[in-house]
Amino acid sequence: MITAVTTFRLPRPFTREEARSIFRSTAPLYRGVQGLFRKTYVLSEDGMTAGGIYFWNSRGEAEALYTDAWRARAREKYGADPAIAYFESPVVVDNVAEQILADA
């Protein structure tokens, strides 16, 4: 499993309400994306950094999303280019499903 963390250093602080509005406008785009099993939107306390934490089945599926078109849409919404960091996630604790998941 892979966790991808995207961050955007914003050109100005976003309020929680502004961020929530943008996040809600883009959230439907992530429903049904191949290999993505969860996305969490994030906003820093000072409102200067926004981003997402994505939980993927594989890095290849993650990389398939982060295309030039995705980057352009993100730049339009946030006024900043995204940074993407990938992390191996060999074990995930899911308290909602009451499971501990481990990759093969």
PDB file of N, CA and C in Angstrom:
ATOM      1  N   MET A   1       0.846  -1.175   0.000  1.00  0.00           N
ATOM      2  CA  MET A   1       0.000   0.000   0.000  1.00  0.00           C
ATOM      3  C   MET A   1       0.892   1.238   0.000  1.00  0.00           C
ATOM      4  N   ILE A   2       0.351   2.308  -0.538  1.00  0.00           N
ATOM      5  CA  ILE A   2       1.087   3.556  -0.675  1.00  0.00           C
ATOM      6  C   ILE A   2       0.248   4.690  -0.089  1.00  0.00           C
ATOM      7  N   THR A   3       0.913   5.579   0.615  1.00  0.00           N
ATOM      8  CA  THR A   3       0.294   6.822   1.052  1.00  0.00           C
ATOM      9  C   THR A   3       0.979   7.947   0.292  1.00  0.00           C
ATOM     10  N   ALA A   4       0.182   8.784  -0.357  1.00  0.00           N
ATOM     11  CA  ALA A   4       0.717   9.954  -1.052  1.00  0.00           C
ATOM     12  C   ALA A   4       0.219  11.191  -0.312  1.00  0.00           C
ATOM     13  N   VAL A   5       1.123  12.112  -0.070  1.00  0.00           N
ATOM     14  CA  VAL A   5       0.778  13.360   0.600  1.00  0.00           C
ATOM     15  C   VAL A   5       1.040  14.500  -0.376  1.00  0.00           C
ATOM     16  N   THR A   6      -0.012  15.238  -0.687  1.00  0.00           N
ATOM     17  CA  THR A   6       0.131  16.405  -1.555  1.00  0.00           C
ATOM     18  C   THR A   6       0.022  17.655  -0.703  1.00  0.00           C
ATOM     19  N   THR A   7       0.837  18.654  -1.033  1.00  0.00           N
ATOM     20  CA  THR A   7       0.760  19.929  -0.322  1.00  0.00           C
ATOM     21  C   THR A   7       0.834  21.078  -1.309  1.00  0.00           C
ATOM     22  N   PHE A   8       0.165  22.143  -0.953  1.00  0.00           N
ATOM     23  CA  PHE A   8       0.143  23.370  -1.736  1.00  0.00           C
ATOM     24  C   PHE A   8       0.471  24.514  -0.793  1.00  0.00           C
ATOM     25  N   ARG A   9       1.543  25.219  -1.059  1.00  0.00           N
ATOM     26  CA  ARG A   9       1.852  26.427  -0.283  1.00  0.00           C
ATOM     27  C   ARG A   9       1.018  27.534  -0.912  1.00  0.00           C
ATOM     28  N   LEU A  10       0.012  27.987  -0.199  1.00  0.00           N
ATOM     29  CA  LEU A  10      -0.986  28.893  -0.752  1.00  0.00           C
ATOM     30  C   LEU A  10      -0.450  30.321  -0.878  1.00  0.00           C
ATOM     31  N   PRO A  11      -0.956  31.082  -1.859  1.00  0.00           N
ATOM     32  CA  PRO A  11      -0.491  32.464  -2.036  1.00  0.00           C
ATOM     33  C   PRO A  11      -0.996  33.410  -0.947  1.00  0.00           C
ATOM     34  N   ARG A  12      -2.019  32.970  -0.236  1.00  0.00           N
ATOM     35  CA  ARG A  12      -2.573  33.739   0.889  1.00  0.00           C
ATOM     36  C   ARG A  12      -3.260  32.746   1.814  1.00  0.00           C
ATOM     37  N   PRO A  13      -3.484  33.113   3.055  1.00  0.00           N
ATOM     38  CA  PRO A  13      -4.168  32.166   3.958  1.00  0.00           C
ATOM     39  C   PRO A  13      -5.602  31.904   3.509  1.00  0.00           C
ATOM     40  N   PHE A  14      -6.009  30.650   3.589  1.00  0.00           N
ATOM     41  CA  PHE A  14      -7.392  30.271   3.355  1.00  0.00           C
ATOM     42  C   PHE A  14      -8.057  30.093   4.714  1.00  0.00           C
ATOM     43  N   THR A  15      -9.300  30.544   4.815  1.00  0.00           N
ATOM     44  CA  THR A  15     -10.070  30.240   6.018  1.00  0.00           C
ATOM     45  C   THR A  15     -10.533  28.795   5.928  1.00  0.00           C
ATOM     46  N   ARG A  16     -10.949  28.267   7.052  1.00  0.00           N
ATOM     47  CA  ARG A  16     -11.478  26.904   7.065  1.00  0.00           C
ATOM     48  C   ARG A  16     -12.680  26.795   6.121  1.00  0.00           C
ATOM     49  N   GLU A  17     -13.509  27.825   6.097  1.00  0.00           N
ATOM     50  CA  GLU A  17     -14.707  27.819   5.256  1.00  0.00           C
ATOM     51  C   GLU A  17     -14.338  27.839   3.769  1.00  0.00           C
ATOM     52  N   GLU A  18     -13.339  28.659   3.389  1.00  0.00           N
ATOM     53  CA  GLU A  18     -12.889  28.684   1.996  1.00  0.00           C
ATOM     54  C   GLU A  18     -12.344  27.313   1.587  1.00  0.00           C
ATOM     55  N   ALA A  19     -11.503  26.756   2.440  1.00  0.00           N
ATOM     56  CA  ALA A  19     -10.908  25.453   2.138  1.00  0.00           C
ATOM     57  C   ALA A  19     -11.997  24.396   2.033  1.00  0.00           C
ATOM     58  N   ARG A  20     -12.920  24.404   2.969  1.00  0.00           N
ATOM     59  CA  ARG A  20     -14.006  23.419   2.945  1.00  0.00           C
ATOM     60  C   ARG A  20     -14.799  23.511   1.645  1.00  0.00           C
ATOM     61  N   SER A  21     -15.071  24.710   1.179  1.00  0.00           N
ATOM     62  CA  SER A  21     -15.813  24.906  -0.061  1.00  0.00           C
ATOM     63  C   SER A  21     -15.041  24.335  -1.253  1.00  0.00           C
ATOM     64  N   ILE A  22     -13.757  24.608  -1.336  1.00  0.00           N
ATOM     65  CA  ILE A  22     -12.949  24.071  -2.426  1.00  0.00           C
ATOM     66  C   ILE A  22     -12.870  22.548  -2.324  1.00  0.00           C
ATOM     67  N   PHE A  23     -12.627  22.044  -1.117  1.00  0.00           N
ATOM     68  CA  PHE A  23     -12.517  20.596  -0.923  1.00  0.00           C
ATOM     69  C   PHE A  23     -13.811  19.892  -1.346  1.00  0.00           C
ATOM     70  N   ARG A  24     -14.939  20.451  -0.946  1.00  0.00           N
ATOM     71  CA  ARG A  24     -16.220  19.827  -1.317  1.00  0.00           C
ATOM     72  C   ARG A  24     -16.439  19.868  -2.823  1.00  0.00           C
ATOM     73  N   SER A  25     -15.940  20.927  -3.484  1.00  0.00           N
ATOM     74  CA  SER A  25     -16.136  21.029  -4.935  1.00  0.00           C
ATOM     75  C   SER A  25     -15.321  19.987  -5.699  1.00  0.00           C
ATOM     76  N   THR A  26     -14.197  19.559  -5.141  1.00  0.00           N
ATOM     77  CA  THR A  26     -13.360  18.587  -5.836  1.00  0.00           C
ATOM     78  C   THR A  26     -13.556  17.155  -5.348  1.00  0.00           C
ATOM     79  N   ALA A  27     -14.131  16.968  -4.188  1.00  0.00           N
ATOM     80  CA  ALA A  27     -14.281  15.624  -3.613  1.00  0.00           C
ATOM     81  C   ALA A  27     -14.955  14.629  -4.557  1.00  0.00           C
ATOM     82  N   PRO A  28     -16.019  14.993  -5.275  1.00  0.00           N
ATOM     83  CA  PRO A  28     -16.657  14.008  -6.163  1.00  0.00           C
ATOM     84  C   PRO A  28     -15.726  13.454  -7.241  1.00  0.00           C
ATOM     85  N   LEU A  29     -14.683  14.199  -7.600  1.00  0.00           N
ATOM     86  CA  LEU A  29     -13.746  13.735  -8.623  1.00  0.00           C
ATOM     87  C   LEU A  29     -12.980  12.490  -8.182  1.00  0.00           C
ATOM     88  N   TYR A  30     -12.912  12.240  -6.888  1.00  0.00           N
ATOM     89  CA  TYR A  30     -12.112  11.131  -6.365  1.00  0.00           C
ATOM     90  C   TYR A  30     -12.930   9.874  -6.088  1.00  0.00           C
ATOM     91  N   ARG A  31     -14.226   9.955  -6.236  1.00  0.00           N
ATOM     92  CA  ARG A  31     -15.067   8.764  -6.054  1.00  0.00           C
ATOM     93  C   ARG A  31     -14.830   7.809  -7.198  1.00  0.00           C
ATOM     94  N   GLY A  32     -14.577   6.565  -6.863  1.00  0.00           N
ATOM     95  CA  GLY A  32     -14.407   5.540  -7.877  1.00  0.00           C
ATOM     96  C   GLY A  32     -13.069   5.543  -8.592  1.00  0.00           C
ATOM     97  N   VAL A  33     -12.100   6.321  -8.120  1.00  0.00           N
ATOM     98  CA  VAL A  33     -10.783   6.328  -8.765  1.00  0.00           C
ATOM     99  C   VAL A  33     -10.104   4.981  -8.500  1.00  0.00           C
ATOM    100  N   GLN A  34      -9.634   4.352  -9.567  1.00  0.00           N
ATOM    101  CA  GLN A  34      -8.998   3.037  -9.484  1.00  0.00           C
ATOM    102  C   GLN A  34      -7.834   3.050  -8.490  1.00  0.00           C
ATOM    103  N   GLY A  35      -7.917   2.179  -7.479  1.00  0.00           N
ATOM    104  CA  GLY A  35      -6.830   1.997  -6.532  1.00  0.00           C
ATOM    105  C   GLY A  35      -6.836   2.925  -5.337  1.00  0.00           C
ATOM    106  N   LEU A  36      -7.666   3.965  -5.352  1.00  0.00           N
ATOM    107  CA  LEU A  36      -7.733   4.909  -4.230  1.00  0.00           C
ATOM    108  C   LEU A  36      -8.787   4.429  -3.248  1.00  0.00           C
ATOM    109  N   PHE A  37      -8.381   4.158  -2.011  1.00  0.00           N
ATOM    110  CA  PHE A  37      -9.405   3.727  -1.068  1.00  0.00           C
ATOM    111  C   PHE A  37      -9.759   4.781  -0.027  1.00  0.00           C
ATOM    112  N   ARG A  38      -9.005   5.861   0.064  1.00  0.00           N
ATOM    113  CA  ARG A  38      -9.406   6.953   0.950  1.00  0.00           C
ATOM    114  C   ARG A  38      -8.583   8.187   0.619  1.00  0.00           C
ATOM    115  N   LYS A  39      -9.216   9.348   0.749  1.00  0.00           N
ATOM    116  CA  LYS A  39      -8.531  10.631   0.637  1.00  0.00           C
ATOM    117  C   LYS A  39      -8.992  11.496   1.791  1.00  0.00           C
ATOM    118  N   THR A  40      -8.047  12.141   2.447  1.00  0.00           N
ATOM    119  CA  THR A  40      -8.344  13.091   3.510  1.00  0.00           C
ATOM    120  C   THR A  40      -7.784  14.447   3.102  1.00  0.00           C
ATOM    121  N   TYR A  41      -8.618  15.461   3.075  1.00  0.00           N
ATOM    122  CA  TYR A  41      -8.171  16.819   2.789  1.00  0.00           C
ATOM    123  C   TYR A  41      -7.614  17.432   4.071  1.00  0.00           C
ATOM    124  N   VAL A  42      -6.576  18.271   3.930  1.00  0.00           N
ATOM    125  CA  VAL A  42      -5.963  18.901   5.097  1.00  0.00           C
ATOM    126  C   VAL A  42      -5.713  20.383   4.848  1.00  0.00           C
ATOM    127  N   LEU A  43      -5.753  21.148   5.938  1.00  0.00           N
ATOM    128  CA  LEU A  43      -5.451  22.581   5.934  1.00  0.00           C
ATOM    129  C   LEU A  43      -4.651  22.884   7.190  1.00  0.00           C
ATOM    130  N   SER A  44      -3.529  23.573   7.030  1.00  0.00           N
ATOM    131  CA  SER A  44      -2.705  23.913   8.192  1.00  0.00           C
ATOM    132  C   SER A  44      -3.423  24.934   9.072  1.00  0.00           C
ATOM    133  N   GLU A  45      -3.009  25.004  10.319  1.00  0.00           N
ATOM    134  CA  GLU A  45      -3.644  25.922  11.267  1.00  0.00           C
ATOM    135  C   GLU A  45      -3.550  27.375  10.820  1.00  0.00           C
ATOM    136  N   ASP A  46      -2.446  27.743  10.166  1.00  0.00           N
ATOM    137  CA  ASP A  46      -2.301  29.131   9.721  1.00  0.00           C
ATOM    138  C   ASP A  46      -2.979  29.397   8.377  1.00  0.00           C
ATOM    139  N   GLY A  47      -3.556  28.351   7.765  1.00  0.00           N
ATOM    140  CA  GLY A  47      -4.265  28.501   6.500  1.00  0.00           C
ATOM    141  C   GLY A  47      -3.377  28.690   5.291  1.00  0.00           C
ATOM    142  N   MET A  48      -2.065  28.534   5.449  1.00  0.00           N
ATOM    143  CA  MET A  48      -1.131  28.778   4.351  1.00  0.00           C
ATOM    144  C   MET A  48      -0.760  27.524   3.559  1.00  0.00           C
ATOM    145  N   THR A  49      -1.123  26.354   4.072  1.00  0.00           N
ATOM    146  CA  THR A  49      -0.832  25.109   3.369  1.00  0.00           C
ATOM    147  C   THR A  49      -2.085  24.244   3.349  1.00  0.00           C
ATOM    148  N   ALA A  50      -2.426  23.786   2.159  1.00  0.00           N
ATOM    149  CA  ALA A  50      -3.535  22.848   2.000  1.00  0.00           C
ATOM    150  C   ALA A  50      -2.990  21.608   1.311  1.00  0.00           C
ATOM    151  N   GLY A  51      -3.780  20.554   1.334  1.00  0.00           N
ATOM    152  CA  GLY A  51      -3.324  19.351   0.646  1.00  0.00           C
ATOM    153  C   GLY A  51      -4.243  18.185   0.862  1.00  0.00           C
ATOM    154  N   GLY A  52      -3.701  17.015   0.566  1.00  0.00           N
ATOM    155  CA  GLY A  52      -4.467  15.792   0.717  1.00  0.00           C
ATOM    156  C   GLY A  52      -3.566  14.643   1.108  1.00  0.00           C
ATOM    157  N   ILE A  53      -4.157  13.715   1.831  1.00  0.00           N
ATOM    158  CA  ILE A  53      -3.494  12.465   2.164  1.00  0.00           C
ATOM    159  C   ILE A  53      -4.306  11.376   1.486  1.00  0.00           C
ATOM    160  N   TYR A  54      -3.641  10.672   0.565  1.00  0.00           N
ATOM    161  CA  TYR A  54      -4.296   9.674  -0.268  1.00  0.00           C
ATOM    162  C   TYR A  54      -3.781   8.292   0.117  1.00  0.00           C
ATOM    163  N   PHE A  55      -4.673   7.349   0.226  1.00  0.00           N
ATOM    164  CA  PHE A  55      -4.323   5.973   0.552  1.00  0.00           C
ATOM    165  C   PHE A  55      -4.608   5.104  -0.677  1.00  0.00           C
ATOM    166  N   TRP A  56      -3.552   4.501  -1.209  1.00  0.00           N
ATOM    167  CA  TRP A  56      -3.608   3.791  -2.485  1.00  0.00           C
ATOM    168  C   TRP A  56      -3.241   2.323  -2.333  1.00  0.00           C
ATOM    169  N   ASN A  57      -3.735   1.525  -3.272  1.00  0.00           N
ATOM    170  CA  ASN A  57      -3.313   0.132  -3.356  1.00  0.00           C
ATOM    171  C   ASN A  57      -1.885   0.014  -3.874  1.00  0.00           C
ATOM    172  N   SER A  58      -1.500   0.899  -4.812  1.00  0.00           N
ATOM    173  CA  SER A  58      -0.162   0.813  -5.401  1.00  0.00           C
ATOM    174  C   SER A  58       0.318   2.185  -5.847  1.00  0.00           C
ATOM    175  N   ARG A  59       1.626   2.299  -5.995  1.00  0.00           N
ATOM    176  CA  ARG A  59       2.206   3.559  -6.469  1.00  0.00           C
ATOM    177  C   ARG A  59       1.802   3.830  -7.919  1.00  0.00           C
ATOM    178  N   GLY A  60       1.744   2.794  -8.732  1.00  0.00           N
ATOM    179  CA  GLY A  60       1.338   2.982 -10.121  1.00  0.00           C
ATOM    180  C   GLY A  60      -0.042   3.598 -10.244  1.00  0.00           C
ATOM    181  N   GLU A  61      -0.967   3.142  -9.406  1.00  0.00           N
ATOM    182  CA  GLU A  61      -2.321   3.717  -9.429  1.00  0.00           C
ATOM    183  C   GLU A  61      -2.296   5.162  -8.949  1.00  0.00           C
ATOM    184  N   ALA A  62      -1.460   5.450  -7.975  1.00  0.00           N
ATOM    185  CA  ALA A  62      -1.326   6.832  -7.496  1.00  0.00           C
ATOM    186  C   ALA A  62      -0.780   7.722  -8.603  1.00  0.00           C
ATOM    187  N   GLU A  63       0.301   7.288  -9.215  1.00  0.00           N
ATOM    188  CA  GLU A  63       0.919   8.097 -10.263  1.00  0.00           C
ATOM    189  C   GLU A  63      -0.015   8.318 -11.457  1.00  0.00           C
ATOM    190  N   ALA A  64      -0.931   7.387 -11.691  1.00  0.00           N
ATOM    191  CA  ALA A  64      -1.883   7.533 -12.794  1.00  0.00           C
ATOM    192  C   ALA A  64      -2.819   8.719 -12.576  1.00  0.00           C
ATOM    193  N   LEU A  65      -3.033   9.107 -11.325  1.00  0.00           N
ATOM    194  CA  LEU A  65      -3.914  10.243 -11.040  1.00  0.00           C
ATOM    195  C   LEU A  65      -3.194  11.576 -11.226  1.00  0.00           C
ATOM    196  N   TYR A  66      -1.951  11.652 -10.804  1.00  0.00           N
ATOM    197  CA  TYR A  66      -1.242  12.933 -10.733  1.00  0.00           C
ATOM    198  C   TYR A  66      -0.660  13.328 -12.085  1.00  0.00           C
ATOM    199  N   THR A  67      -1.537  13.540 -13.039  1.00  0.00           N
ATOM    200  CA  THR A  67      -1.174  13.895 -14.407  1.00  0.00           C
ATOM    201  C   THR A  67      -0.992  15.411 -14.528  1.00  0.00           C
ATOM    202  N   ASP A  68      -0.560  15.851 -15.703  1.00  0.00           N
ATOM    203  CA  ASP A  68      -0.455  17.286 -15.958  1.00  0.00           C
ATOM    204  C   ASP A  68      -1.814  17.964 -15.830  1.00  0.00           C
ATOM    205  N   ALA A  69      -2.879  17.287 -16.260  1.00  0.00           N
ATOM    206  CA  ALA A  69      -4.232  17.861 -16.143  1.00  0.00           C
ATOM    207  C   ALA A  69      -4.630  18.006 -14.669  1.00  0.00           C
ATOM    208  N   TRP A  70      -4.300  17.007 -13.844  1.00  0.00           N
ATOM    209  CA  TRP A  70      -4.589  17.083 -12.404  1.00  0.00           C
ATOM    210  C   TRP A  70      -3.835  18.254 -11.799  1.00  0.00           C
ATOM    211  N   ARG A  71      -2.558  18.404 -12.156  1.00  0.00           N
ATOM    212  CA  ARG A  71      -1.738  19.501 -11.624  1.00  0.00           C
ATOM    213  C   ARG A  71      -2.296  20.862 -12.049  1.00  0.00           C
ATOM    214  N   ALA A  72      -2.750  20.971 -13.280  1.00  0.00           N
ATOM    215  CA  ALA A  72      -3.326  22.234 -13.769  1.00  0.00           C
ATOM    216  C   ALA A  72      -4.609  22.576 -13.021  1.00  0.00           C
ATOM    217  N   ARG A  73      -5.452  21.564 -12.792  1.00  0.00           N
ATOM    218  CA  ARG A  73      -6.698  21.795 -12.048  1.00  0.00           C
ATOM    219  C   ARG A  73      -6.381  22.226 -10.613  1.00  0.00           C
ATOM    220  N   ALA A  74      -5.402  21.589 -10.005  1.00  0.00           N
ATOM    221  CA  ALA A  74      -5.001  21.944  -8.639  1.00  0.00           C
ATOM    222  C   ALA A  74      -4.453  23.375  -8.597  1.00  0.00           C
ATOM    223  N   ARG A  75      -3.636  23.718  -9.570  1.00  0.00           N
ATOM    224  CA  ARG A  75      -3.058  25.068  -9.636  1.00  0.00           C
ATOM    225  C   ARG A  75      -4.168  26.112  -9.761  1.00  0.00           C
ATOM    226  N   GLU A  76      -5.199  25.792 -10.565  1.00  0.00           N
ATOM    227  CA  GLU A  76      -6.323  26.714 -10.743  1.00  0.00           C
ATOM    228  C   GLU A  76      -7.094  26.893  -9.437  1.00  0.00           C
ATOM    229  N   LYS A  77      -7.319  25.805  -8.708  1.00  0.00           N
ATOM    230  CA  LYS A  77      -8.098  25.860  -7.460  1.00  0.00           C
ATOM    231  C   LYS A  77      -7.342  26.544  -6.322  1.00  0.00           C
ATOM    232  N   TYR A  78      -6.039  26.267  -6.223  1.00  0.00           N
ATOM    233  CA  TYR A  78      -5.267  26.705  -5.052  1.00  0.00           C
ATOM    234  C   TYR A  78      -4.290  27.832  -5.338  1.00  0.00           C
ATOM    235  N   GLY A  79      -4.051  28.132  -6.606  1.00  0.00           N
ATOM    236  CA  GLY A  79      -3.098  29.187  -6.927  1.00  0.00           C
ATOM    237  C   GLY A  79      -1.659  28.803  -6.629  1.00  0.00           C
ATOM    238  N   ALA A  80      -1.401  27.495  -6.599  1.00  0.00           N
ATOM    239  CA  ALA A  80      -0.057  27.005  -6.279  1.00  0.00           C
ATOM    240  C   ALA A  80       0.156  25.640  -6.914  1.00  0.00           C
ATOM    241  N   ASP A  81       1.417  25.345  -7.193  1.00  0.00           N
ATOM    242  CA  ASP A  81       1.762  24.027  -7.709  1.00  0.00           C
ATOM    243  C   ASP A  81       1.849  23.028  -6.560  1.00  0.00           C
ATOM    244  N   PRO A  82       1.394  21.805  -6.784  1.00  0.00           N
ATOM    245  CA  PRO A  82       1.437  20.807  -5.723  1.00  0.00           C
ATOM    246  C   PRO A  82       2.819  20.165  -5.591  1.00  0.00           C
ATOM    247  N   ALA A  83       3.142  19.777  -4.372  1.00  0.00           N
ATOM    248  CA  ALA A  83       4.276  18.894  -4.102  1.00  0.00           C
ATOM    249  C   ALA A  83       3.673  17.549  -3.707  1.00  0.00           C
ATOM    250  N   ILE A  84       4.294  16.456  -4.155  1.00  0.00           N
ATOM    251  CA  ILE A  84       3.776  15.117  -3.852  1.00  0.00           C
ATOM    252  C   ILE A  84       4.901  14.288  -3.255  1.00  0.00           C
ATOM    253  N   ALA A  85       4.610  13.675  -2.107  1.00  0.00           N
ATOM    254  CA  ALA A  85       5.554  12.753  -1.467  1.00  0.00           C
ATOM    255  C   ALA A  85       4.865  11.400  -1.329  1.00  0.00           C
ATOM    256  N   TYR A  86       5.614  10.341  -1.601  1.00  0.00           N
ATOM    257  CA  TYR A  86       5.091   8.976  -1.512  1.00  0.00           C
ATOM    258  C   TYR A  86       5.727   8.254  -0.333  1.00  0.00           C
ATOM    259  N   PHE A  87       4.920   7.452   0.342  1.00  0.00           N
ATOM    260  CA  PHE A  87       5.379   6.663   1.481  1.00  0.00           C
ATOM    261  C   PHE A  87       4.863   5.241   1.351  1.00  0.00           C
ATOM    262  N   GLU A  88       5.698   4.281   1.637  1.00  0.00           N
ATOM    263  CA  GLU A  88       5.253   2.898   1.755  1.00  0.00           C
ATOM    264  C   GLU A  88       4.387   2.793   3.004  1.00  0.00           C
ATOM    265  N   SER A  89       3.306   2.056   2.912  1.00  0.00           N
ATOM    266  CA  SER A  89       2.392   1.868   4.047  1.00  0.00           C
ATOM    267  C   SER A  89       2.155   0.375   4.240  1.00  0.00           C
ATOM    268  N   PRO A  90       3.106  -0.336   4.838  1.00  0.00           N
ATOM    269  CA  PRO A  90       2.976  -1.786   4.942  1.00  0.00           C
ATOM    270  C   PRO A  90       1.885  -2.247   5.900  1.00  0.00           C
ATOM    271  N   VAL A  91       1.489  -1.388   6.850  1.00  0.00           N
ATOM    272  CA  VAL A  91       0.427  -1.741   7.802  1.00  0.00           C
ATOM    273  C   VAL A  91      -0.456  -0.511   8.014  1.00  0.00           C
ATOM    274  N   VAL A  92      -1.767  -0.735   7.982  1.00  0.00           N
ATOM    275  CA  VAL A  92      -2.748   0.328   8.221  1.00  0.00           C
ATOM    276  C   VAL A  92      -3.730  -0.162   9.271  1.00  0.00           C
ATOM    277  N   VAL A  93      -3.969   0.667  10.286  1.00  0.00           N
ATOM    278  CA  VAL A  93      -4.977   0.373  11.303  1.00  0.00           C
ATOM    279  C   VAL A  93      -6.248   1.118  10.908  1.00  0.00           C
ATOM    280  N   ASP A  94      -7.344   0.397  10.736  1.00  0.00           N
ATOM    281  CA  ASP A  94      -8.634   0.977  10.377  1.00  0.00           C
ATOM    282  C   ASP A  94      -9.594   0.722  11.536  1.00  0.00           C
ATOM    283  N   ASN A  95      -9.781   1.731  12.368  1.00  0.00           N
ATOM    284  CA  ASN A  95     -10.647   1.574  13.534  1.00  0.00           C
ATOM    285  C   ASN A  95     -12.130   1.594  13.178  1.00  0.00           C
ATOM    286  N   VAL A  96     -12.475   2.181  12.040  1.00  0.00           N
ATOM    287  CA  VAL A  96     -13.873   2.184  11.614  1.00  0.00           C
ATOM    288  C   VAL A  96     -14.290   0.772  11.210  1.00  0.00           C
ATOM    289  N   ALA A  97     -13.466   0.127  10.391  1.00  0.00           N
ATOM    290  CA  ALA A  97     -13.755  -1.236   9.945  1.00  0.00           C
ATOM    291  C   ALA A  97     -13.289  -2.285  10.948  1.00  0.00           C
ATOM    292  N   GLU A  98     -12.627  -1.809  12.002  1.00  0.00           N
ATOM    293  CA  GLU A  98     -12.073  -2.705  13.029  1.00  0.00           C
ATOM    294  C   GLU A  98     -11.158  -3.749  12.411  1.00  0.00           C
ATOM    295  N   GLN A  99     -10.186  -3.249  11.585  1.00  0.00           N
ATOM    296  CA  GLN A  99      -9.253  -4.130  10.898  1.00  0.00           C
ATOM    297  C   GLN A  99      -7.834  -3.586  10.979  1.00  0.00           C
ATOM    298  N   ILE A 100      -6.896  -4.475  10.883  1.00  0.00           N
ATOM    299  CA  ILE A 100      -5.508  -4.122  10.643  1.00  0.00           C
ATOM    300  C   ILE A 100      -5.159  -4.711   9.291  1.00  0.00           C
ATOM    301  N   LEU A 101      -4.788  -3.832   8.346  1.00  0.00           N
ATOM    302  CA  LEU A 101      -4.485  -4.249   6.984  1.00  0.00           C
ATOM    303  C   LEU A 101      -2.978  -4.291   6.797  1.00  0.00           C
ATOM    304  N   ALA A 102      -2.488  -5.310   6.135  1.00  0.00           N
ATOM    305  CA  ALA A 102      -1.066  -5.405   5.805  1.00  0.00           C
ATOM    306  C   ALA A 102      -0.932  -5.799   4.351  1.00  0.00           C
ATOM    307  N   ASP A 103       0.048  -5.174   3.670  1.00  0.00           N
ATOM    308  CA  ASP A 103       0.230  -5.562   2.273  1.00  0.00           C
ATOM    309  C   ASP A 103       0.920  -6.911   2.182  1.00  0.00           C
ATOM    310  N   ALA A 104       0.927  -7.455   0.973  1.00  0.00           N
ATOM    311  CA  ALA A 104       1.403  -8.824   0.779  1.00  0.00           C
ATOM    312  C   ALA A 104       2.828  -9.008   1.141  1.00  0.00           C
TER     313      ALA A 104
END
